[in-house]
Protein backbone atom coordinates (compact mmCIF):
# COMPACT_ATOMS: atom_id res chain seq x y z
CA MET A 1 129.51 106.54 124.23
CA ALA A 2 133.15 107.49 123.75
CA LEU A 3 135.63 104.79 122.77
CA LYS A 4 138.53 107.20 122.17
CA ALA A 5 137.33 110.67 123.19
CA GLU A 6 140.54 112.42 122.13
CA ARG A 7 140.07 111.09 118.58
CA GLY A 8 136.32 111.64 118.45
CA VAL A 9 135.64 107.90 118.20
CA ASN A 10 132.34 106.72 119.68
CA ASN A 11 130.19 103.59 119.55
CA GLY A 12 128.06 104.92 116.71
CA SER A 13 124.29 105.32 116.48
CA PRO A 14 122.57 101.94 116.93
CA ALA A 15 119.66 103.04 114.71
CA LEU A 16 122.07 104.04 111.93
CA HIS A 17 123.91 100.73 112.10
CA ALA A 18 120.66 98.77 112.22
CA ARG A 19 119.78 100.39 108.90
CA GLY A 20 123.28 99.72 107.55
CA LEU A 21 123.15 96.02 108.43
CA HIS A 22 119.70 95.78 106.86
CA LEU A 23 120.94 97.39 103.64
CA LEU A 24 123.87 94.97 103.43
CA ALA A 25 121.37 92.07 103.41
CA VAL A 26 123.89 89.73 105.04
CA LYS A 27 123.12 86.03 104.50
CA PRO A 28 124.11 82.98 106.57
CA GLY A 29 127.36 81.45 105.37
CA GLU A 30 128.77 84.63 103.84
CA THR A 31 132.23 86.06 104.41
CA LEU A 32 132.20 89.71 105.45
CA CYS A 33 134.83 92.36 106.21
CA HIS A 34 134.01 94.90 108.92
CA VAL A 35 136.37 97.85 108.43
CA GLY A 36 136.68 100.17 111.41
CA ALA A 37 135.47 97.63 113.93
CA GLY A 38 136.13 99.70 117.07
CA THR A 39 135.65 97.44 120.09
CA GLY A 40 133.63 94.89 118.15
CA TYR A 41 129.99 95.65 118.99
CA TYR A 42 128.75 95.58 115.41
CA SER A 43 131.20 92.81 114.50
CA ALA A 44 129.33 90.67 117.03
CA MET A 45 126.04 91.45 115.27
CA LEU A 46 127.58 90.54 111.93
CA SER A 47 128.85 87.29 113.45
CA ARG A 48 125.27 86.32 114.32
CA LEU A 49 124.03 87.28 110.86
CA VAL A 50 126.56 85.14 108.94
CA GLY A 51 126.14 82.25 111.39
CA ASP A 52 128.43 79.34 112.14
CA ARG A 53 129.13 78.68 108.46
CA GLY A 54 130.08 82.32 107.84
CA ARG A 55 133.11 84.42 108.67
CA VAL A 56 133.72 88.01 109.78
CA ILE A 57 137.07 89.77 109.35
CA ALA A 58 137.06 92.72 111.76
CA VAL A 59 139.76 95.32 111.02
CA GLU A 60 140.65 98.15 113.42
CA PHE A 61 143.43 100.71 112.93
CA ASP A 62 143.84 101.62 116.61
CA ASN A 63 145.87 98.93 118.40
CA ALA A 64 144.23 99.54 121.79
CA LEU A 65 140.72 99.30 120.34
CA ALA A 66 141.68 96.19 118.37
CA THR A 67 142.95 94.56 121.57
CA ARG A 68 139.64 95.33 123.29
CA ALA A 69 137.71 93.99 120.31
CA ARG A 70 139.74 90.78 120.32
CA ASP A 71 138.91 90.26 123.99
CA ASN A 72 135.23 91.17 123.55
CA LEU A 73 134.82 88.83 120.59
CA LYS A 74 136.44 85.72 122.07
CA PRO A 75 133.04 83.96 122.32
CA TYR A 76 132.45 84.62 118.59
CA THR A 77 134.57 81.92 117.00
CA ASN A 78 133.72 82.96 113.43
CA VAL A 79 135.29 86.42 113.89
CA GLU A 80 138.95 87.24 113.20
CA VAL A 81 140.15 90.59 114.61
CA ILE A 82 143.01 92.30 112.75
CA SER A 83 144.92 95.38 113.87
CA GLY A 84 145.74 97.15 110.63
CA ASN A 85 144.97 99.82 108.07
CA GLY A 86 141.41 99.24 106.87
CA PHE A 87 142.23 100.62 103.42
CA GLN A 88 144.31 97.49 102.79
CA TYR A 89 141.59 94.98 103.67
CA PRO A 90 140.14 92.55 102.81
CA HIS A 91 143.08 90.61 101.37
CA ASP A 92 140.80 87.94 99.87
CA ASN A 93 137.41 88.14 98.21
CA VAL A 94 134.36 88.69 100.42
CA ASP A 95 130.61 88.76 99.97
CA ALA A 96 130.20 92.12 101.72
CA ALA A 97 132.24 94.93 103.26
CA TYR A 98 130.93 97.29 105.92
CA VAL A 99 133.02 100.42 106.50
CA ASN A 100 132.56 102.45 109.69
CA PHE A 101 134.60 105.59 109.06
CA ALA A 102 134.35 108.33 106.46
CA THR A 103 136.67 108.79 103.53
CA SER A 104 136.93 110.88 100.37
CA ARG A 105 137.09 107.80 98.11
CA PRO A 106 136.57 104.03 98.32
CA ALA A 107 139.67 101.90 98.81
CA ASP A 108 140.77 99.57 96.01
CA ALA A 109 140.40 96.51 98.25
CA TRP A 110 136.81 97.31 99.20
CA VAL A 111 135.72 97.45 95.56
CA GLU A 112 137.97 94.97 93.80
CA ARG A 113 137.71 92.14 96.34
CA LEU A 114 133.94 91.84 96.23
CA ASN A 115 132.59 88.55 94.93
CA ASP A 116 130.01 88.67 92.14
CA GLY A 117 126.87 89.98 93.81
CA GLY A 118 128.97 91.37 96.67
CA ARG A 119 127.98 94.56 98.49
CA LEU A 120 129.96 97.46 99.90
CA LEU A 121 128.45 100.02 102.27
CA PHE A 122 130.70 102.95 103.18
CA PRO A 123 130.51 106.63 104.23
CA LEU A 124 131.81 108.98 101.54
CA GLY A 125 132.23 112.61 102.42
CA VAL A 126 134.22 115.74 103.15
CA LEU A 127 136.39 116.26 106.23
CA GLY A 128 135.26 119.09 108.50
CA ARG A 129 137.82 121.81 109.19
CA ASP A 130 137.99 124.87 111.43
CA ALA A 131 138.69 128.42 110.24
CA GLU A 132 142.45 127.72 110.28
CA GLY A 133 142.06 124.58 108.19
CA ASN A 134 142.68 122.13 111.02
CA SER A 135 140.86 118.78 110.97
CA LEU A 136 137.77 118.51 113.15
CA ARG A 137 137.93 114.68 113.02
CA HIS A 138 134.35 114.36 111.71
CA THR A 139 132.64 114.96 108.39
CA LEU A 140 131.42 118.29 107.12
CA ALA A 141 129.10 116.43 104.75
CA ALA A 142 128.79 112.69 104.10
CA GLY A 143 126.46 109.95 102.99
CA PHE A 144 126.13 106.19 103.12
CA PHE A 145 126.71 104.74 99.64
CA LEU A 146 125.82 101.16 98.73
CA VAL A 147 127.83 99.55 95.92
CA SER A 148 126.93 96.18 94.41
CA ARG A 149 129.16 94.17 92.08
CA LYS A 150 127.36 93.10 88.91
CA SER A 151 128.47 91.08 85.89
CA ASP A 152 128.84 94.29 83.86
CA GLY A 153 130.29 96.61 86.53
CA TYR A 154 129.20 98.21 89.78
CA ALA A 155 125.76 99.51 90.70
CA ALA A 156 125.70 102.29 93.31
CA GLU A 157 123.13 104.26 95.25
CA PHE A 158 123.00 106.95 97.89
CA VAL A 159 121.04 105.65 100.89
CA GLY A 160 121.10 108.65 103.22
CA PRO A 161 123.12 111.35 104.97
CA VAL A 162 125.44 110.35 107.82
CA SER A 163 128.00 111.84 110.17
CA PHE A 164 131.12 109.75 110.83
CA VAL A 165 134.57 110.04 112.34
CA TRP A 166 137.19 110.55 109.63
CA ALA A 167 139.47 107.69 108.61
CA ASP A 168 142.95 107.15 110.00
CA GLY A 169 145.45 106.05 107.38
CA ALA A 170 143.38 107.51 104.52
CA VAL A 171 144.70 109.09 101.35
CA VAL A 172 144.24 112.81 102.00
CA ALA A 173 142.08 114.63 99.46
CA THR A 174 143.48 117.78 97.91
CA ALA A 175 141.87 121.14 98.66
CA GLU A 176 140.47 121.17 95.12
CA GLN A 177 138.91 117.72 95.58
CA GLU A 178 137.38 118.76 98.91
CA GLN A 179 135.88 121.85 97.27
CA ARG A 180 134.40 119.86 94.38
CA MET A 181 132.87 117.21 96.65
CA THR A 182 131.46 119.87 98.97
CA ALA A 183 129.87 121.52 95.93
CA ALA A 184 128.46 118.15 94.82
CA PHE A 185 126.75 117.60 98.18
CA ARG A 186 125.34 121.12 98.11
CA ALA A 187 124.05 120.71 94.55
CA GLY A 188 122.05 117.60 95.48
CA GLY A 189 120.97 115.05 92.90
CA LEU A 190 122.20 112.12 94.99
CA GLY A 191 119.00 110.20 94.32
CA ARG A 192 120.02 109.92 90.66
CA ILE A 193 123.23 108.00 91.41
CA THR A 194 123.06 104.54 89.80
CA ARG A 195 126.60 103.31 89.18
CA LEU A 196 130.20 103.37 90.32
CA ARG A 197 132.76 103.96 87.59
CA TRP A 198 135.95 102.15 88.55
CA LYS A 199 139.35 102.33 86.83
CA THR A 200 137.75 103.43 83.56
CA ARG A 201 137.28 106.78 81.84
CA ALA A 202 134.19 108.84 82.51
CA VAL A 203 131.19 108.34 80.22
CA GLY A 204 128.01 110.31 80.82
CA GLU A 205 127.01 112.65 83.62
CA GLU A 206 128.48 112.10 87.09
CA TRP A 207 127.52 113.40 90.53
CA TYR A 208 131.22 113.41 91.44
CA GLY A 209 134.28 111.93 89.75
CA GLU A 210 138.04 111.66 89.64
CA GLU A 211 140.23 110.34 86.84
CA ASP A 212 139.98 106.72 87.98
CA TRP A 213 136.54 106.59 89.62
CA GLY A 214 133.21 108.35 89.78
CA LEU A 215 129.54 108.08 90.71
CA GLY A 216 127.41 108.12 87.59
CA LEU A 217 123.91 109.53 87.29
CA SER A 218 120.84 108.19 85.54
CA PRO A 219 119.76 110.16 82.46
């Protein structure tokens, strides 16, 4: 169901989001950031999962959608709706972050503002383009990646292929980065991903990496 047809934004696949919410393993009383909240449908589900003692911060880039979400979520008193750039949220530490748009890299806030034991689920991928190089608004290739903050760093795993609308307000990948990530998806090996390298130099084999981050592989 279209939310913003001209931007390719829809309500998402309920089965896909059911799996995503299950993977996040949300617990009562937790604080969670829902990035790319749309009109608030899945924010409402998260509200029920964290319960009265929990809190959901729902962030939506599109002002009109955020206004609709704010109205839809009035009965959910543990939800705060913010109209803003999801790459800048959360501002404070959270127990989990659920991202509902695709990007070529995780945002600093999503990774660095996780509590110990916190989880991040986000779609990482490559933007689809037509023959002239124009954006098609959705991913050419993408996957759900689950990151967990541990005492010694970040565990990571690939949990399945997805198709998502591309992020607004994202840092645009270079053509070279798009080519390398496309090649990584084509080469496979995603089941061997075990860790997220973050703001450190690369050590060992990686499925994909940049200077300041990468997805490391098991031996």
